[in-house]
Amino acid sequence: LAQAILGSRSAAQNSSSQRLHDMPLRPVDAERLPPMIPGADVAEAQRLDDLKQFRKYLVDTGGVKALMKLFQHTAQNEMRLDNPTLLKDFLGKYQEESFESSEEVTLWRDNEEFRKQNGELEEQVKRLEVEMDEAQRFRLSSQLWAAIAPGAGAVELSLGALYTRLCGDDTEACPDAISEASEVVVSKEPFC
């Protein structure tokens, strides 16, 4: 039963598509359609286009030049074409002289220069990171000195005054070593 239903559906679809195919075109629609090109003409145009693209590829990659040099080499040096190593010998020699090998050498040289530049730039980055860390430490220590030292232009501060600014006026909590050295002067430059 299922096969009969499916068979009848496909038969109905085939008959409807056949009816559409057999329907005549109105003259207005027929005029708007481009003329039909035979399949052989399309295939020939595609073949000619492919051949044109292949010739362009041979010229762009230097293949034509290599073939011409091979024929010249054969005419000048090798009169017998039965030499089995003729093509290998020529292509080995030609590859050494070719543009691609010189380009390859140039690329290798450029890569070496870039590696050298990368090394120099990495050293410069490390040096700049160290300089940046020192500049940040100096900025922070200068800000700390400005907050601790009384007055905007103070360049020296006694150890006792520094302890008082940091810990307060509690003289009982002050360690003996700081009490004894309270008159020692701390200057801004070593602090920053």
N, C-alpha and C. Protein backbone atom coordinates (compact mmCIF):
# COMPACT_ATOMS: atom_id res chain seq x y z
N LEU A 1 0.82 -1.19 0.00
CA LEU A 1 0.00 0.00 0.00
C LEU A 1 0.88 1.27 0.00
N ALA A 2 1.93 1.25 0.86
CA ALA A 2 2.82 2.41 0.93
C ALA A 2 3.52 2.63 -0.39
N GLN A 3 3.92 1.53 -1.03
CA GLN A 3 4.59 1.67 -2.33
C GLN A 3 3.64 2.21 -3.38
N ALA A 4 2.40 1.82 -3.29
CA ALA A 4 1.41 2.30 -4.25
C ALA A 4 1.18 3.80 -4.08
N ILE A 5 1.13 4.25 -2.80
CA ILE A 5 0.94 5.68 -2.52
C ILE A 5 2.14 6.47 -3.01
N LEU A 6 3.35 5.98 -2.69
CA LEU A 6 4.56 6.68 -3.12
C LEU A 6 4.68 6.67 -4.63
N GLY A 7 4.35 5.57 -5.23
CA GLY A 7 4.41 5.49 -6.69
C GLY A 7 3.45 6.45 -7.34
N SER A 8 2.25 6.58 -6.78
CA SER A 8 1.28 7.50 -7.37
C SER A 8 1.71 8.95 -7.18
N ARG A 9 2.37 9.25 -6.05
CA ARG A 9 2.87 10.62 -5.83
C ARG A 9 3.93 10.97 -6.84
N SER A 10 4.92 10.07 -7.05
CA SER A 10 5.99 10.37 -7.99
C SER A 10 5.44 10.46 -9.41
N ALA A 11 4.45 9.64 -9.75
CA ALA A 11 3.84 9.72 -11.08
C ALA A 11 3.13 11.06 -11.25
N ALA A 12 2.46 11.53 -10.20
CA ALA A 12 1.76 12.81 -10.26
C ALA A 12 2.76 13.95 -10.41
N GLN A 13 3.88 13.87 -9.68
CA GLN A 13 4.90 14.91 -9.79
C GLN A 13 5.50 14.92 -11.18
N ASN A 14 5.79 13.75 -11.72
CA ASN A 14 6.36 13.67 -13.07
C ASN A 14 5.41 14.24 -14.11
N SER A 15 4.13 13.93 -13.97
CA SER A 15 3.16 14.44 -14.96
C SER A 15 3.00 15.95 -14.85
N SER A 16 3.06 16.51 -13.60
CA SER A 16 2.92 17.96 -13.45
C SER A 16 4.16 18.66 -14.00
N SER A 17 5.35 18.10 -13.78
CA SER A 17 6.55 18.74 -14.32
C SER A 17 6.57 18.61 -15.84
N GLN A 18 6.04 17.50 -16.37
CA GLN A 18 5.96 17.32 -17.82
C GLN A 18 5.00 18.34 -18.42
N ARG A 19 3.90 18.60 -17.72
CA ARG A 19 2.93 19.59 -18.22
C ARG A 19 3.55 20.98 -18.24
N LEU A 20 4.35 21.32 -17.19
CA LEU A 20 4.99 22.64 -17.17
C LEU A 20 6.01 22.75 -18.28
N HIS A 21 6.70 21.65 -18.55
CA HIS A 21 7.73 21.66 -19.58
C HIS A 21 7.10 21.81 -20.97
N ASP A 22 5.96 21.22 -21.16
CA ASP A 22 5.31 21.25 -22.47
C ASP A 22 4.48 22.52 -22.70
N MET A 23 4.33 23.34 -21.66
CA MET A 23 3.52 24.55 -21.82
C MET A 23 4.21 25.51 -22.77
N PRO A 24 3.48 26.09 -23.67
CA PRO A 24 4.10 27.03 -24.61
C PRO A 24 4.39 28.35 -23.90
N LEU A 25 5.41 29.03 -24.36
CA LEU A 25 5.76 30.33 -23.81
C LEU A 25 4.96 31.41 -24.53
N ARG A 26 4.62 32.40 -23.78
CA ARG A 26 3.99 33.55 -24.41
C ARG A 26 5.05 34.29 -25.21
N PRO A 27 4.69 34.94 -26.26
CA PRO A 27 5.68 35.64 -27.09
C PRO A 27 6.44 36.71 -26.31
N VAL A 28 5.79 37.38 -25.37
CA VAL A 28 6.46 38.41 -24.56
C VAL A 28 7.57 37.78 -23.72
N ASP A 29 7.26 36.62 -23.10
CA ASP A 29 8.26 35.92 -22.28
C ASP A 29 9.39 35.39 -23.14
N ALA A 30 9.08 34.89 -24.31
CA ALA A 30 10.10 34.33 -25.20
C ALA A 30 11.07 35.42 -25.65
N GLU A 31 10.59 36.64 -25.84
CA GLU A 31 11.46 37.74 -26.28
C GLU A 31 12.43 38.15 -25.18
N ARG A 32 12.01 38.05 -23.90
CA ARG A 32 12.85 38.47 -22.79
C ARG A 32 13.95 37.47 -22.47
N LEU A 33 13.79 36.22 -22.84
CA LEU A 33 14.78 35.19 -22.55
C LEU A 33 16.00 35.35 -23.45
N PRO A 34 17.20 35.15 -22.92
CA PRO A 34 18.38 35.20 -23.79
C PRO A 34 18.39 33.98 -24.71
N PRO A 35 19.08 34.07 -25.82
CA PRO A 35 19.10 32.93 -26.74
C PRO A 35 19.84 31.75 -26.10
N MET A 36 19.43 30.57 -26.42
CA MET A 36 20.03 29.35 -25.87
C MET A 36 21.37 29.10 -26.57
N ILE A 37 22.38 28.77 -25.77
CA ILE A 37 23.71 28.48 -26.30
C ILE A 37 23.88 26.97 -26.24
N PRO A 38 24.30 26.35 -27.32
CA PRO A 38 24.49 24.90 -27.31
C PRO A 38 25.55 24.49 -26.28
N GLY A 39 25.38 23.32 -25.70
CA GLY A 39 26.30 22.82 -24.67
C GLY A 39 27.73 22.69 -25.18
N ALA A 40 27.89 22.31 -26.45
CA ALA A 40 29.23 22.17 -27.02
C ALA A 40 29.94 23.52 -27.06
N ASP A 41 29.21 24.58 -27.37
CA ASP A 41 29.82 25.91 -27.39
C ASP A 41 30.24 26.35 -25.99
N VAL A 42 29.41 26.04 -24.99
CA VAL A 42 29.75 26.39 -23.60
C VAL A 42 31.00 25.62 -23.17
N ALA A 43 31.06 24.33 -23.48
CA ALA A 43 32.22 23.52 -23.12
C ALA A 43 33.47 24.03 -23.81
N GLU A 44 33.37 24.41 -25.08
CA GLU A 44 34.53 24.93 -25.83
C GLU A 44 35.00 26.26 -25.25
N ALA A 45 34.06 27.13 -24.88
CA ALA A 45 34.42 28.42 -24.27
C ALA A 45 35.12 28.18 -22.93
N GLN A 46 34.63 27.23 -22.15
CA GLN A 46 35.25 26.92 -20.85
C GLN A 46 36.67 26.37 -21.06
N ARG A 47 36.82 25.49 -22.07
CA ARG A 47 38.14 24.91 -22.35
C ARG A 47 39.12 26.01 -22.76
N LEU A 48 38.69 26.93 -23.62
CA LEU A 48 39.55 28.02 -24.05
C LEU A 48 39.91 28.95 -22.88
N ASP A 49 38.96 29.20 -22.01
CA ASP A 49 39.22 30.03 -20.82
C ASP A 49 40.22 29.33 -19.90
N ASP A 50 40.05 28.02 -19.70
CA ASP A 50 40.99 27.26 -18.86
C ASP A 50 42.39 27.29 -19.47
N LEU A 51 42.48 27.14 -20.79
CA LEU A 51 43.76 27.17 -21.47
C LEU A 51 44.42 28.54 -21.33
N LYS A 52 43.62 29.59 -21.44
CA LYS A 52 44.14 30.95 -21.28
C LYS A 52 44.68 31.15 -19.85
N GLN A 53 43.94 30.67 -18.85
CA GLN A 53 44.38 30.80 -17.46
C GLN A 53 45.64 29.99 -17.21
N PHE A 54 45.75 28.80 -17.84
CA PHE A 54 46.95 27.98 -17.67
C PHE A 54 48.16 28.66 -18.29
N ARG A 55 47.98 29.26 -19.46
CA ARG A 55 49.09 29.99 -20.09
C ARG A 55 49.53 31.16 -19.21
N LYS A 56 48.57 31.87 -18.65
CA LYS A 56 48.90 32.99 -17.75
C LYS A 56 49.66 32.48 -16.52
N TYR A 57 49.24 31.33 -15.98
CA TYR A 57 49.92 30.73 -14.84
C TYR A 57 51.37 30.37 -15.20
N LEU A 58 51.56 29.77 -16.39
CA LEU A 58 52.92 29.41 -16.81
C LEU A 58 53.80 30.64 -16.96
N VAL A 59 53.25 31.73 -17.47
CA VAL A 59 54.03 32.95 -17.63
C VAL A 59 54.34 33.55 -16.25
N ASP A 60 53.34 33.61 -15.38
CA ASP A 60 53.51 34.21 -14.06
C ASP A 60 54.52 33.46 -13.20
N THR A 61 54.53 32.14 -13.28
CA THR A 61 55.42 31.34 -12.43
C THR A 61 56.78 31.11 -13.06
N GLY A 62 56.98 31.53 -14.31
CA GLY A 62 58.27 31.35 -14.95
C GLY A 62 58.41 30.01 -15.64
N GLY A 63 57.34 29.27 -15.78
CA GLY A 63 57.39 27.97 -16.44
C GLY A 63 57.75 28.07 -17.90
N VAL A 64 57.24 29.08 -18.59
CA VAL A 64 57.55 29.26 -20.01
C VAL A 64 59.03 29.55 -20.18
N LYS A 65 59.55 30.37 -19.31
CA LYS A 65 60.98 30.71 -19.37
C LYS A 65 61.83 29.47 -19.14
N ALA A 66 61.41 28.63 -18.19
CA ALA A 66 62.16 27.39 -17.92
C ALA A 66 62.13 26.46 -19.12
N LEU A 67 60.97 26.33 -19.77
CA LEU A 67 60.87 25.47 -20.95
C LEU A 67 61.73 26.00 -22.10
N MET A 68 61.74 27.31 -22.28
CA MET A 68 62.58 27.90 -23.33
C MET A 68 64.05 27.64 -23.05
N LYS A 69 64.46 27.80 -21.81
CA LYS A 69 65.86 27.52 -21.46
C LYS A 69 66.19 26.05 -21.66
N LEU A 70 65.23 25.16 -21.36
CA LEU A 70 65.45 23.73 -21.57
C LEU A 70 65.65 23.44 -23.04
N PHE A 71 64.81 24.01 -23.89
CA PHE A 71 64.95 23.78 -25.33
C PHE A 71 66.26 24.36 -25.85
N GLN A 72 66.65 25.55 -25.36
CA GLN A 72 67.92 26.15 -25.78
C GLN A 72 69.09 25.28 -25.34
N HIS A 73 69.04 24.80 -24.10
CA HIS A 73 70.10 23.94 -23.57
C HIS A 73 70.20 22.66 -24.38
N THR A 74 69.04 22.11 -24.72
CA THR A 74 69.03 20.87 -25.50
C THR A 74 69.62 21.12 -26.88
N ALA A 75 69.26 22.21 -27.51
CA ALA A 75 69.76 22.51 -28.85
C ALA A 75 71.25 22.80 -28.85
N GLN A 76 71.76 23.45 -27.80
CA GLN A 76 73.17 23.83 -27.76
C GLN A 76 74.07 22.71 -27.26
N ASN A 77 73.65 21.99 -26.23
CA ASN A 77 74.54 21.03 -25.57
C ASN A 77 74.22 19.57 -25.83
N GLU A 78 73.00 19.25 -26.00
CA GLU A 78 72.60 17.85 -26.11
C GLU A 78 71.94 17.63 -27.46
N MET A 79 72.60 16.93 -28.33
CA MET A 79 71.99 16.65 -29.62
C MET A 79 71.15 15.37 -29.57
N ARG A 80 71.41 14.49 -28.62
CA ARG A 80 70.61 13.27 -28.52
C ARG A 80 69.54 13.49 -27.45
N LEU A 81 68.34 13.23 -27.79
CA LEU A 81 67.24 13.40 -26.86
C LEU A 81 66.96 12.13 -26.07
N ASP A 82 67.75 11.10 -26.31
CA ASP A 82 67.53 9.87 -25.57
C ASP A 82 68.29 9.85 -24.25
N ASN A 83 68.88 10.95 -23.86
CA ASN A 83 69.59 11.05 -22.60
C ASN A 83 68.57 11.04 -21.46
N PRO A 84 68.54 10.01 -20.62
CA PRO A 84 67.50 9.93 -19.59
C PRO A 84 67.67 10.94 -18.46
N THR A 85 68.84 11.48 -18.26
CA THR A 85 69.04 12.42 -17.15
C THR A 85 69.04 13.87 -17.61
N LEU A 86 68.75 14.10 -18.86
CA LEU A 86 68.78 15.46 -19.41
C LEU A 86 67.84 16.39 -18.65
N LEU A 87 66.62 15.99 -18.47
CA LEU A 87 65.64 16.84 -17.81
C LEU A 87 65.99 17.07 -16.35
N LYS A 88 66.41 16.00 -15.64
CA LYS A 88 66.77 16.15 -14.23
C LYS A 88 67.97 17.07 -14.06
N ASP A 89 68.98 16.89 -14.91
CA ASP A 89 70.17 17.73 -14.81
C ASP A 89 69.83 19.20 -15.07
N PHE A 90 69.05 19.43 -16.12
CA PHE A 90 68.70 20.81 -16.44
C PHE A 90 67.88 21.45 -15.34
N LEU A 91 66.84 20.74 -14.87
CA LEU A 91 65.98 21.33 -13.84
C LEU A 91 66.74 21.57 -12.54
N GLY A 92 67.68 20.69 -12.21
CA GLY A 92 68.50 20.92 -11.01
C GLY A 92 69.33 22.17 -11.15
N LYS A 93 69.93 22.38 -12.32
CA LYS A 93 70.73 23.57 -12.57
C LYS A 93 69.83 24.81 -12.67
N TYR A 94 68.69 24.65 -13.32
CA TYR A 94 67.78 25.78 -13.50
C TYR A 94 67.23 26.24 -12.16
N GLN A 95 66.93 25.30 -11.28
CA GLN A 95 66.36 25.66 -9.98
C GLN A 95 67.36 26.48 -9.18
N GLU A 96 68.65 26.18 -9.32
CA GLU A 96 69.66 26.95 -8.61
C GLU A 96 69.72 28.39 -9.12
N GLU A 97 69.43 28.59 -10.43
CA GLU A 97 69.51 29.91 -11.03
C GLU A 97 68.19 30.66 -10.99
N SER A 98 67.13 29.99 -10.60
CA SER A 98 65.79 30.56 -10.77
C SER A 98 65.52 31.72 -9.83
N PHE A 99 64.48 32.43 -10.19
CA PHE A 99 64.02 33.56 -9.38
C PHE A 99 63.55 33.09 -8.02
N GLU A 100 62.88 31.93 -7.99
CA GLU A 100 62.34 31.43 -6.73
C GLU A 100 63.45 31.13 -5.73
N SER A 101 64.58 30.58 -6.20
CA SER A 101 65.66 30.29 -5.26
C SER A 101 66.27 31.58 -4.74
N SER A 102 66.40 32.60 -5.59
CA SER A 102 66.92 33.88 -5.10
C SER A 102 65.92 34.52 -4.16
N GLU A 103 64.64 34.34 -4.47
CA GLU A 103 63.61 34.87 -3.56
C GLU A 103 63.66 34.13 -2.23
N GLU A 104 63.90 32.84 -2.28
CA GLU A 104 63.99 32.05 -1.05
C GLU A 104 65.16 32.51 -0.20
N VAL A 105 66.29 32.77 -0.84
CA VAL A 105 67.46 33.27 -0.11
C VAL A 105 67.13 34.62 0.52
N THR A 106 66.47 35.46 -0.24
CA THR A 106 66.08 36.77 0.28
C THR A 106 65.15 36.64 1.48
N LEU A 107 64.20 35.71 1.38
CA LEU A 107 63.28 35.50 2.51
C LEU A 107 64.02 34.98 3.73
N TRP A 108 64.97 34.07 3.53
CA TRP A 108 65.75 33.57 4.67
C TRP A 108 66.53 34.72 5.31
N ARG A 109 67.14 35.55 4.48
CA ARG A 109 67.88 36.69 5.02
C ARG A 109 66.96 37.63 5.80
N ASP A 110 65.79 37.90 5.22
CA ASP A 110 64.82 38.76 5.91
C ASP A 110 64.40 38.16 7.24
N ASN A 111 64.17 36.84 7.25
CA ASN A 111 63.78 36.18 8.50
C ASN A 111 64.88 36.31 9.55
N GLU A 112 66.13 36.16 9.15
CA GLU A 112 67.24 36.32 10.10
C GLU A 112 67.28 37.74 10.65
N GLU A 113 67.08 38.72 9.76
CA GLU A 113 67.07 40.11 10.22
C GLU A 113 65.91 40.35 11.18
N PHE A 114 64.76 39.78 10.88
CA PHE A 114 63.60 39.94 11.77
C PHE A 114 63.85 39.28 13.12
N ARG A 115 64.49 38.12 13.11
CA ARG A 115 64.81 37.46 14.39
C ARG A 115 65.76 38.32 15.21
N LYS A 116 66.75 38.91 14.53
CA LYS A 116 67.70 39.79 15.21
C LYS A 116 66.97 41.01 15.78
N GLN A 117 66.09 41.61 14.97
CA GLN A 117 65.32 42.76 15.44
C GLN A 117 64.41 42.38 16.60
N ASN A 118 63.82 41.18 16.54
CA ASN A 118 62.97 40.73 17.65
C ASN A 118 63.78 40.62 18.94
N GLY A 119 65.00 40.09 18.85
CA GLY A 119 65.85 39.99 20.03
C GLY A 119 66.16 41.37 20.59
N GLU A 120 66.50 42.31 19.69
CA GLU A 120 66.79 43.68 20.15
C GLU A 120 65.56 44.32 20.78
N LEU A 121 64.40 44.10 20.18
CA LEU A 121 63.18 44.68 20.72
C LEU A 121 62.82 44.07 22.07
N GLU A 122 63.06 42.75 22.23
CA GLU A 122 62.79 42.12 23.53
C GLU A 122 63.70 42.70 24.61
N GLU A 123 64.99 42.94 24.27
CA GLU A 123 65.89 43.57 25.23
C GLU A 123 65.42 44.98 25.57
N GLN A 124 64.97 45.71 24.55
CA GLN A 124 64.47 47.06 24.79
C GLN A 124 63.24 47.04 25.68
N VAL A 125 62.35 46.06 25.48
CA VAL A 125 61.15 45.94 26.31
C VAL A 125 61.56 45.68 27.76
N LYS A 126 62.52 44.78 27.98
CA LYS A 126 62.97 44.50 29.35
C LYS A 126 63.57 45.74 29.99
N ARG A 127 64.39 46.46 29.22
CA ARG A 127 65.02 47.68 29.75
C ARG A 127 63.96 48.72 30.10
N LEU A 128 62.96 48.87 29.23
CA LEU A 128 61.90 49.85 29.48
C LEU A 128 61.03 49.45 30.66
N GLU A 129 60.82 48.13 30.84
CA GLU A 129 60.05 47.67 32.01
C GLU A 129 60.79 48.01 33.30
N VAL A 130 62.12 47.82 33.30
CA VAL A 130 62.91 48.16 34.48
C VAL A 130 62.84 49.67 34.75
N GLU A 131 62.97 50.47 33.68
CA GLU A 131 62.88 51.92 33.84
C GLU A 131 61.50 52.33 34.35
N MET A 132 60.48 51.68 33.85
CA MET A 132 59.11 52.00 34.28
C MET A 132 58.92 51.64 35.76
N ASP A 133 59.44 50.49 36.17
CA ASP A 133 59.34 50.11 37.58
C ASP A 133 60.07 51.11 38.48
N GLU A 134 61.26 51.54 38.03
CA GLU A 134 62.01 52.53 38.82
C GLU A 134 61.25 53.85 38.89
N ALA A 135 60.65 54.26 37.79
CA ALA A 135 59.89 55.53 37.77
C ALA A 135 58.67 55.43 38.68
N GLN A 136 57.99 54.29 38.67
CA GLN A 136 56.84 54.12 39.57
C GLN A 136 57.28 54.12 41.04
N ARG A 137 58.40 53.44 41.33
CA ARG A 137 58.89 53.42 42.71
C ARG A 137 59.28 54.82 43.15
N PHE A 138 59.93 55.58 42.27
CA PHE A 138 60.32 56.94 42.61
C PHE A 138 59.09 57.82 42.84
N ARG A 139 58.06 57.67 41.96
CA ARG A 139 56.85 58.47 42.11
C ARG A 139 56.16 58.15 43.44
N LEU A 140 56.03 56.85 43.74
CA LEU A 140 55.38 56.46 45.00
C LEU A 140 56.17 56.92 46.22
N SER A 141 57.51 56.75 46.17
CA SER A 141 58.31 57.18 47.33
C SER A 141 58.29 58.70 47.48
N SER A 142 58.22 59.42 46.37
CA SER A 142 58.12 60.89 46.45
C SER A 142 56.78 61.30 47.05
N GLN A 143 55.72 60.60 46.66
CA GLN A 143 54.41 60.89 47.25
C GLN A 143 54.40 60.57 48.74
N LEU A 144 55.03 59.47 49.12
CA LEU A 144 55.11 59.10 50.54
C LEU A 144 55.92 60.14 51.31
N TRP A 145 57.06 60.58 50.74
CA TRP A 145 57.88 61.60 51.40
C TRP A 145 57.09 62.89 51.56
N ALA A 146 56.32 63.26 50.52
CA ALA A 146 55.53 64.50 50.61
C ALA A 146 54.46 64.38 51.69
N ALA A 147 53.92 63.18 51.89
CA ALA A 147 52.91 62.99 52.92
C ALA A 147 53.52 62.96 54.33
N ILE A 148 54.75 62.44 54.44
CA ILE A 148 55.38 62.29 55.75
C ILE A 148 56.08 63.58 56.19
N ALA A 149 56.82 64.18 55.28
CA ALA A 149 57.64 65.35 55.64
C ALA A 149 56.75 66.57 55.84
N PRO A 150 56.96 67.32 56.94
CA PRO A 150 56.18 68.52 57.17
C PRO A 150 56.66 69.63 56.24
N GLY A 151 55.80 70.18 55.48
CA GLY A 151 56.19 71.27 54.58
C GLY A 151 56.47 70.72 53.18
N ALA A 152 56.22 71.55 52.20
CA ALA A 152 56.32 71.10 50.81
C ALA A 152 57.76 70.92 50.35
N GLY A 153 58.67 71.70 50.84
CA GLY A 153 60.04 71.63 50.33
C GLY A 153 61.01 70.95 51.26
N ALA A 154 60.55 70.18 52.23
CA ALA A 154 61.45 69.55 53.19
C ALA A 154 62.30 68.50 52.51
N VAL A 155 63.64 68.61 52.73
CA VAL A 155 64.54 67.64 52.13
C VAL A 155 65.19 66.77 53.19
N GLU A 156 65.02 67.15 54.47
CA GLU A 156 65.57 66.35 55.57
C GLU A 156 64.54 66.22 56.67
N LEU A 157 64.63 65.08 57.40
CA LEU A 157 63.70 64.81 58.48
C LEU A 157 64.44 63.96 59.50
N SER A 158 64.30 64.30 60.79
CA SER A 158 64.98 63.50 61.81
C SER A 158 64.25 62.17 61.96
N LEU A 159 64.97 61.16 62.46
CA LEU A 159 64.39 59.83 62.62
C LEU A 159 63.26 59.86 63.64
N GLY A 160 63.41 60.67 64.68
CA GLY A 160 62.35 60.81 65.68
C GLY A 160 61.10 61.41 65.05
N ALA A 161 61.26 62.46 64.21
CA ALA A 161 60.12 63.09 63.56
C ALA A 161 59.46 62.12 62.57
N LEU A 162 60.29 61.31 61.89
CA LEU A 162 59.75 60.31 60.96
C LEU A 162 58.92 59.28 61.72
N TYR A 163 59.43 58.84 62.91
CA TYR A 163 58.69 57.88 63.71
C TYR A 163 57.38 58.49 64.20
N THR A 164 57.42 59.73 64.62
CA THR A 164 56.22 60.41 65.10
C THR A 164 55.19 60.54 63.97
N ARG A 165 55.64 60.86 62.77
CA ARG A 165 54.72 61.00 61.64
C ARG A 165 54.08 59.66 61.27
N LEU A 166 54.82 58.56 61.42
CA LEU A 166 54.30 57.24 61.05
C LEU A 166 53.49 56.59 62.17
N CYS A 167 53.96 56.73 63.45
CA CYS A 167 53.35 55.97 64.55
C CYS A 167 52.61 56.82 65.57
N GLY A 168 52.76 58.10 65.51
CA GLY A 168 52.06 58.94 66.46
C GLY A 168 52.98 59.41 67.57
N ASP A 169 52.42 60.12 68.58
CA ASP A 169 53.20 60.73 69.65
C ASP A 169 53.43 59.82 70.84
N ASP A 170 53.05 58.59 70.80
CA ASP A 170 53.18 57.68 71.93
C ASP A 170 54.67 57.36 72.14
N THR A 171 55.30 58.04 73.14
CA THR A 171 56.73 57.85 73.39
C THR A 171 57.01 56.58 74.16
N GLU A 172 56.04 56.05 74.85
CA GLU A 172 56.24 54.80 75.60
C GLU A 172 56.38 53.61 74.67
N ALA A 173 55.69 53.62 73.51
CA ALA A 173 55.75 52.51 72.56
C ALA A 173 56.96 52.62 71.66
N CYS A 174 57.67 53.72 71.71
CA CYS A 174 58.82 53.94 70.84
C CYS A 174 59.96 53.02 71.26
N PRO A 175 60.51 52.24 70.34
CA PRO A 175 61.64 51.37 70.69
C PRO A 175 62.84 52.20 71.14
N ASP A 176 63.66 51.59 71.99
CA ASP A 176 64.82 52.31 72.54
C ASP A 176 65.80 52.73 71.46
N ALA A 177 65.97 51.89 70.45
CA ALA A 177 66.93 52.20 69.38
C ALA A 177 66.52 53.46 68.65
N ILE A 178 65.24 53.66 68.44
CA ILE A 178 64.77 54.86 67.75
C ILE A 178 64.87 56.06 68.68
N SER A 179 64.60 55.86 69.98
CA SER A 179 64.71 56.97 70.94
C SER A 179 66.13 57.47 71.02
N GLU A 180 67.09 56.56 70.99
CA GLU A 180 68.50 56.95 71.08
C GLU A 180 68.96 57.63 69.79
N ALA A 181 68.40 57.23 68.65
CA ALA A 181 68.85 57.79 67.38
C ALA A 181 67.84 58.78 66.81
N SER A 182 67.07 59.40 67.66
CA SER A 182 66.00 60.28 67.18
C SER A 182 66.53 61.53 66.49
N GLU A 183 67.78 61.88 66.72
CA GLU A 183 68.36 63.06 66.10
C GLU A 183 69.05 62.76 64.77
N VAL A 184 69.12 61.48 64.38
CA VAL A 184 69.73 61.13 63.10
C VAL A 184 68.83 61.68 61.98
N VAL A 185 69.46 62.24 60.97
CA VAL A 185 68.72 62.90 59.92
C VAL A 185 68.55 61.94 58.72
N VAL A 186 67.30 61.87 58.24
CA VAL A 186 66.99 61.10 57.03
C VAL A 186 66.72 62.11 55.93
N SER A 187 67.46 61.97 54.82
CA SER A 187 67.26 62.94 53.75
C SER A 187 66.36 62.34 52.66
N LYS A 188 65.84 63.20 51.82
CA LYS A 188 64.87 62.80 50.81
C LYS A 188 65.48 61.92 49.73
N GLU A 189 66.72 62.21 49.28
CA GLU A 189 67.29 61.47 48.15
C GLU A 189 67.46 59.99 48.41
N PRO A 190 68.05 59.53 49.52
CA PRO A 190 68.13 58.08 49.72
C PRO A 190 66.76 57.46 49.95
N PHE A 191 65.83 58.24 50.49
CA PHE A 191 64.49 57.72 50.76
C PHE A 191 63.75 57.46 49.44
N CYS A 192 63.91 58.38 48.50
CA CYS A 192 63.22 58.24 47.22
C CYS A 192 64.08 57.46 46.28
